[in-house]
């Protein structure tokens, strides 16, 4: 026997529930933007880099050593993270230092780790 998903016995809507959803539902463009953000978080390599950066500002060489990747591979991932506005950078001479873009990025990581470790 195949388990069926629970469903309404009668086909009817609950207008109060529907109205509340419509009032709180973001527009399609916002939902697409959020989906794109989560796609960036959907790669374990990028999560590893973000976790390293949650410890503080690092140059590409330090990130590469910390996460066990080539500088080229790290640079590629940093470009994606930078385009998603999850990391920022600053130059000091010829060295470029990266950090999390803001506290929200660290919060998203922490909440994700908290959720999977429950």
N, C-alpha and C. Protein backbone atom coordinates (compact mmCIF):
# COMPACT_ATOMS: atom_id res chain seq x y z
N UNK A 1 0.85 -1.19 0.00
CA UNK A 1 0.00 0.00 0.00
C UNK A 1 0.89 1.24 0.00
N UNK A 2 0.59 2.17 -0.86
CA UNK A 2 1.35 3.41 -0.97
C UNK A 2 0.77 4.42 0.02
N UNK A 3 1.66 5.02 0.81
CA UNK A 3 1.21 6.06 1.74
C UNK A 3 0.89 7.32 0.96
N UNK A 4 -0.28 7.84 1.18
CA UNK A 4 -0.67 9.07 0.53
C UNK A 4 -0.42 10.26 1.45
N UNK A 5 -0.16 11.38 0.84
CA UNK A 5 0.02 12.61 1.60
C UNK A 5 -1.34 13.01 2.19
N UNK A 6 -1.32 13.61 3.37
CA UNK A 6 -2.59 14.08 3.93
C UNK A 6 -3.19 15.15 3.02
N UNK A 7 -4.48 15.16 2.92
CA UNK A 7 -5.16 16.15 2.09
C UNK A 7 -6.52 16.46 2.69
N UNK A 8 -7.09 17.54 2.19
CA UNK A 8 -8.41 17.94 2.66
C UNK A 8 -9.44 16.94 2.16
N UNK A 9 -10.35 16.60 3.02
CA UNK A 9 -11.45 15.70 2.64
C UNK A 9 -12.43 16.42 1.71
N UNK A 10 -12.67 17.66 1.98
CA UNK A 10 -13.56 18.46 1.17
C UNK A 10 -12.75 19.54 0.48
N UNK A 11 -13.10 19.82 -0.74
CA UNK A 11 -12.41 20.89 -1.45
C UNK A 11 -13.03 22.22 -1.06
N UNK A 12 -12.33 22.90 -0.17
CA UNK A 12 -12.79 24.22 0.26
C UNK A 12 -11.57 25.00 0.74
N UNK A 13 -11.66 26.28 0.63
CA UNK A 13 -10.56 27.15 1.05
C UNK A 13 -10.90 27.79 2.38
N UNK A 14 -9.87 28.22 3.05
CA UNK A 14 -10.02 28.96 4.31
C UNK A 14 -9.59 30.40 4.01
N UNK A 15 -10.55 31.26 3.74
CA UNK A 15 -10.23 32.62 3.29
C UNK A 15 -9.28 33.37 4.21
N UNK A 16 -9.40 33.20 5.52
CA UNK A 16 -8.52 33.92 6.45
C UNK A 16 -7.07 33.47 6.26
N UNK A 17 -6.88 32.18 6.09
CA UNK A 17 -5.53 31.65 5.89
C UNK A 17 -4.94 32.14 4.58
N UNK A 18 -5.75 32.09 3.53
CA UNK A 18 -5.29 32.53 2.21
C UNK A 18 -4.92 34.00 2.24
N UNK A 19 -5.74 34.82 2.88
CA UNK A 19 -5.47 36.26 2.95
C UNK A 19 -4.17 36.53 3.70
N UNK A 20 -3.95 35.82 4.81
CA UNK A 20 -2.73 36.00 5.59
C UNK A 20 -1.50 35.63 4.76
N UNK A 21 -1.60 34.56 4.01
CA UNK A 21 -0.50 34.14 3.14
C UNK A 21 -0.22 35.21 2.09
N UNK A 22 -1.27 35.68 1.45
CA UNK A 22 -1.09 36.70 0.39
C UNK A 22 -0.48 37.98 0.94
N UNK A 23 -0.85 38.36 2.16
CA UNK A 23 -0.29 39.57 2.77
C UNK A 23 1.19 39.41 3.08
N UNK A 24 1.61 38.19 3.38
CA UNK A 24 2.99 37.96 3.81
C UNK A 24 3.91 37.38 2.74
N UNK A 25 3.35 36.98 1.62
CA UNK A 25 4.15 36.37 0.56
C UNK A 25 4.96 37.43 -0.18
N UNK A 26 6.27 37.29 -0.22
CA UNK A 26 7.08 38.23 -1.00
C UNK A 26 6.75 38.12 -2.49
N UNK A 27 7.10 39.17 -3.25
CA UNK A 27 6.84 39.12 -4.69
C UNK A 27 7.78 38.12 -5.36
N UNK A 28 7.47 37.75 -6.58
CA UNK A 28 8.22 36.72 -7.29
C UNK A 28 9.70 37.07 -7.44
N UNK A 29 10.01 38.33 -7.72
CA UNK A 29 11.42 38.73 -7.88
C UNK A 29 12.20 38.50 -6.59
N UNK A 30 11.60 38.80 -5.46
CA UNK A 30 12.25 38.59 -4.17
C UNK A 30 12.45 37.10 -3.91
N UNK A 31 11.47 36.29 -4.24
CA UNK A 31 11.59 34.84 -4.06
C UNK A 31 12.69 34.27 -4.95
N UNK A 32 12.80 34.78 -6.17
CA UNK A 32 13.87 34.34 -7.07
C UNK A 32 15.23 34.72 -6.51
N UNK A 33 15.35 35.95 -6.01
CA UNK A 33 16.62 36.40 -5.41
C UNK A 33 17.00 35.53 -4.23
N UNK A 34 16.04 35.18 -3.39
CA UNK A 34 16.31 34.33 -2.24
C UNK A 34 16.73 32.93 -2.69
N UNK A 35 16.08 32.43 -3.71
CA UNK A 35 16.44 31.13 -4.26
C UNK A 35 17.88 31.14 -4.77
N UNK A 36 18.27 32.19 -5.45
CA UNK A 36 19.64 32.32 -5.96
C UNK A 36 20.64 32.38 -4.81
N UNK A 37 20.29 33.09 -3.74
CA UNK A 37 21.16 33.14 -2.57
C UNK A 37 21.39 31.74 -2.00
N UNK A 38 20.30 30.99 -1.84
CA UNK A 38 20.43 29.65 -1.29
C UNK A 38 21.20 28.72 -2.22
N UNK A 39 21.14 28.96 -3.53
CA UNK A 39 21.95 28.17 -4.46
C UNK A 39 23.44 28.37 -4.18
N UNK A 40 23.83 29.58 -3.87
CA UNK A 40 25.23 29.86 -3.55
C UNK A 40 25.62 29.10 -2.28
N UNK A 41 24.73 29.05 -1.30
CA UNK A 41 24.98 28.31 -0.07
C UNK A 41 24.91 26.79 -0.31
N UNK A 42 24.44 26.38 -1.47
CA UNK A 42 24.26 24.96 -1.76
C UNK A 42 25.51 24.23 -2.20
N UNK A 43 26.67 24.81 -1.99
CA UNK A 43 27.92 24.18 -2.39
C UNK A 43 28.82 24.06 -1.15
N UNK A 44 29.24 22.83 -0.84
CA UNK A 44 30.02 22.62 0.39
C UNK A 44 31.37 23.32 0.36
N UNK A 45 31.95 23.50 -0.82
CA UNK A 45 33.21 24.22 -0.92
C UNK A 45 33.04 25.68 -0.50
N UNK A 46 31.97 26.29 -0.96
CA UNK A 46 31.72 27.68 -0.58
C UNK A 46 31.38 27.78 0.90
N UNK A 47 30.66 26.80 1.43
CA UNK A 47 30.37 26.79 2.87
C UNK A 47 31.67 26.70 3.66
N UNK A 48 32.60 25.88 3.18
CA UNK A 48 33.89 25.73 3.86
C UNK A 48 34.64 27.07 3.87
N UNK A 49 34.63 27.77 2.75
CA UNK A 49 35.30 29.07 2.66
C UNK A 49 34.62 30.08 3.57
N UNK A 50 33.29 30.12 3.56
CA UNK A 50 32.57 31.04 4.43
C UNK A 50 32.83 30.73 5.90
N UNK A 51 32.92 29.45 6.23
CA UNK A 51 33.22 29.07 7.62
C UNK A 51 34.61 29.55 8.01
N UNK A 52 35.58 29.40 7.12
CA UNK A 52 36.92 29.91 7.40
C UNK A 52 36.89 31.42 7.62
N UNK A 53 36.15 32.11 6.77
CA UNK A 53 36.07 33.57 6.89
C UNK A 53 35.29 34.02 8.12
N UNK A 54 34.46 33.13 8.66
CA UNK A 54 33.74 33.50 9.88
C UNK A 54 34.70 33.65 11.06
N UNK A 55 35.92 33.13 10.91
CA UNK A 55 36.94 33.28 11.95
C UNK A 55 37.69 34.60 11.82
N UNK A 56 37.51 35.29 10.71
CA UNK A 56 38.16 36.58 10.53
C UNK A 56 38.66 36.77 9.11
N UNK A 57 39.20 37.93 8.87
CA UNK A 57 39.69 38.32 7.55
C UNK A 57 40.88 37.44 7.15
N UNK A 58 40.89 37.01 5.88
CA UNK A 58 41.96 36.14 5.39
C UNK A 58 42.32 36.49 3.95
N UNK A 59 43.59 36.26 3.60
CA UNK A 59 43.99 36.39 2.21
C UNK A 59 43.76 35.05 1.50
N UNK A 60 43.82 35.04 0.17
CA UNK A 60 43.57 33.83 -0.60
C UNK A 60 44.51 32.71 -0.19
N UNK A 61 45.78 33.02 0.05
CA UNK A 61 46.75 31.99 0.45
C UNK A 61 46.35 31.33 1.77
N UNK A 62 45.91 32.13 2.73
CA UNK A 62 45.49 31.58 4.02
C UNK A 62 44.22 30.73 3.86
N UNK A 63 43.28 31.21 3.06
CA UNK A 63 42.05 30.44 2.83
C UNK A 63 42.41 29.11 2.17
N UNK A 64 43.25 29.17 1.14
CA UNK A 64 43.66 27.96 0.42
C UNK A 64 44.26 26.93 1.35
N UNK A 65 45.16 27.37 2.20
CA UNK A 65 45.81 26.46 3.14
C UNK A 65 44.80 25.91 4.14
N UNK A 66 43.94 26.77 4.65
CA UNK A 66 42.97 26.36 5.67
C UNK A 66 41.97 25.33 5.14
N UNK A 67 41.54 25.49 3.89
CA UNK A 67 40.51 24.60 3.36
C UNK A 67 41.07 23.50 2.46
N UNK A 68 42.38 23.49 2.24
CA UNK A 68 43.01 22.44 1.45
C UNK A 68 42.67 22.48 -0.03
N UNK A 69 42.68 23.68 -0.59
CA UNK A 69 42.38 23.85 -2.01
C UNK A 69 43.46 24.73 -2.65
N UNK A 70 43.52 24.70 -3.97
CA UNK A 70 44.46 25.58 -4.66
C UNK A 70 43.97 27.02 -4.59
N UNK A 71 44.90 27.94 -4.71
CA UNK A 71 44.53 29.37 -4.72
C UNK A 71 43.59 29.68 -5.87
N UNK A 72 43.82 29.03 -7.01
CA UNK A 72 42.97 29.24 -8.18
C UNK A 72 41.53 28.81 -7.90
N UNK A 73 41.37 27.64 -7.28
CA UNK A 73 40.02 27.14 -6.96
C UNK A 73 39.34 28.06 -5.94
N UNK A 74 40.09 28.50 -4.95
CA UNK A 74 39.54 29.41 -3.95
C UNK A 74 39.14 30.73 -4.59
N UNK A 75 39.98 31.26 -5.45
CA UNK A 75 39.67 32.52 -6.13
C UNK A 75 38.39 32.41 -6.94
N UNK A 76 38.21 31.29 -7.62
CA UNK A 76 36.99 31.07 -8.39
C UNK A 76 35.75 31.11 -7.49
N UNK A 77 35.82 30.43 -6.36
CA UNK A 77 34.69 30.40 -5.42
C UNK A 77 34.47 31.77 -4.78
N UNK A 78 35.55 32.48 -4.48
CA UNK A 78 35.42 33.82 -3.91
C UNK A 78 34.72 34.77 -4.87
N UNK A 79 34.96 34.60 -6.15
CA UNK A 79 34.28 35.45 -7.15
C UNK A 79 32.77 35.22 -7.07
N UNK A 80 32.35 33.96 -6.96
CA UNK A 80 30.92 33.65 -6.84
C UNK A 80 30.36 34.24 -5.55
N UNK A 81 31.10 34.08 -4.46
CA UNK A 81 30.66 34.62 -3.16
C UNK A 81 30.59 36.14 -3.18
N UNK A 82 31.55 36.76 -3.86
CA UNK A 82 31.57 38.22 -3.98
C UNK A 82 30.39 38.71 -4.83
N UNK A 83 30.10 38.02 -5.93
CA UNK A 83 28.97 38.39 -6.79
C UNK A 83 27.64 38.25 -6.06
N UNK A 84 27.58 37.31 -5.11
CA UNK A 84 26.37 37.12 -4.31
C UNK A 84 26.34 38.05 -3.10
N UNK A 85 27.35 38.90 -2.99
CA UNK A 85 27.48 39.87 -1.89
C UNK A 85 27.56 39.20 -0.52
N UNK A 86 28.21 38.02 -0.50
CA UNK A 86 28.41 37.30 0.76
C UNK A 86 29.79 37.56 1.35
N UNK A 87 30.73 37.99 0.52
CA UNK A 87 32.05 38.36 1.02
C UNK A 87 32.41 39.74 0.47
N UNK A 88 33.32 40.38 1.17
CA UNK A 88 33.87 41.65 0.70
C UNK A 88 35.38 41.52 0.72
N UNK A 89 36.05 42.47 0.12
CA UNK A 89 37.50 42.41 0.09
C UNK A 89 38.09 43.80 0.24
N UNK A 90 39.37 43.80 0.60
CA UNK A 90 40.13 45.04 0.65
C UNK A 90 41.55 44.72 0.23
N UNK A 91 42.20 45.69 -0.36
CA UNK A 91 43.59 45.51 -0.81
C UNK A 91 44.53 46.16 0.19
N UNK A 92 45.63 45.48 0.40
CA UNK A 92 46.72 46.03 1.20
C UNK A 92 47.99 45.73 0.40
N UNK A 93 48.42 46.73 -0.36
CA UNK A 93 49.53 46.49 -1.29
C UNK A 93 49.08 45.52 -2.36
N UNK A 94 49.82 44.43 -2.54
CA UNK A 94 49.46 43.43 -3.54
C UNK A 94 48.56 42.33 -2.98
N UNK A 95 48.33 42.36 -1.68
CA UNK A 95 47.54 41.32 -1.04
C UNK A 95 46.08 41.75 -0.93
N UNK A 96 45.19 40.82 -1.24
CA UNK A 96 43.76 41.06 -1.12
C UNK A 96 43.25 40.23 0.06
N UNK A 97 42.57 40.90 0.98
CA UNK A 97 42.00 40.24 2.14
C UNK A 97 40.49 40.14 1.98
N UNK A 98 39.95 38.99 2.34
CA UNK A 98 38.51 38.74 2.24
C UNK A 98 37.92 38.58 3.63
N UNK A 99 36.64 38.95 3.74
CA UNK A 99 35.90 38.76 4.99
C UNK A 99 34.43 38.57 4.63
N UNK A 100 33.66 38.13 5.61
CA UNK A 100 32.22 38.02 5.39
C UNK A 100 31.67 39.41 5.14
N UNK A 101 30.70 39.51 4.27
CA UNK A 101 30.16 40.82 3.89
C UNK A 101 29.50 41.54 5.05
N UNK A 102 28.81 40.79 5.92
CA UNK A 102 28.16 41.40 7.07
C UNK A 102 27.77 40.30 8.05
N UNK A 103 27.20 40.71 9.16
CA UNK A 103 26.82 39.75 10.21
C UNK A 103 25.75 38.76 9.75
N UNK A 104 24.95 39.15 8.76
CA UNK A 104 23.89 38.25 8.29
C UNK A 104 24.47 36.95 7.76
N UNK A 105 25.60 37.02 7.08
CA UNK A 105 26.20 35.83 6.50
C UNK A 105 26.59 34.85 7.61
N UNK A 106 27.22 35.37 8.64
CA UNK A 106 27.58 34.54 9.79
C UNK A 106 26.36 33.96 10.47
N UNK A 107 25.30 34.75 10.55
CA UNK A 107 24.06 34.29 11.17
C UNK A 107 23.43 33.15 10.37
N UNK A 108 23.41 33.29 9.04
CA UNK A 108 22.87 32.23 8.19
C UNK A 108 23.65 30.94 8.39
N UNK A 109 24.98 31.04 8.41
CA UNK A 109 25.82 29.85 8.65
C UNK A 109 25.52 29.24 10.00
N UNK A 110 25.50 30.06 11.03
CA UNK A 110 25.27 29.55 12.38
C UNK A 110 23.92 28.88 12.50
N UNK A 111 22.89 29.51 11.95
CA UNK A 111 21.56 28.92 12.03
C UNK A 111 21.49 27.61 11.26
N UNK A 112 22.18 27.54 10.13
CA UNK A 112 22.22 26.30 9.38
C UNK A 112 22.89 25.19 10.17
N UNK A 113 24.03 25.49 10.78
CA UNK A 113 24.73 24.49 11.60
C UNK A 113 23.87 24.10 12.81
N UNK A 114 23.25 25.09 13.44
CA UNK A 114 22.37 24.78 14.58
C UNK A 114 21.24 23.84 14.17
N UNK A 115 20.66 24.10 13.00
CA UNK A 115 19.54 23.30 12.54
C UNK A 115 19.95 21.84 12.29
N UNK A 116 21.09 21.64 11.62
CA UNK A 116 21.48 20.26 11.30
C UNK A 116 22.03 19.52 12.52
N UNK A 117 22.44 20.27 13.53
CA UNK A 117 22.97 19.63 14.73
C UNK A 117 21.94 19.42 15.83
N UNK A 118 20.68 19.74 15.57
CA UNK A 118 19.62 19.57 16.57
C UNK A 118 19.39 18.10 16.86
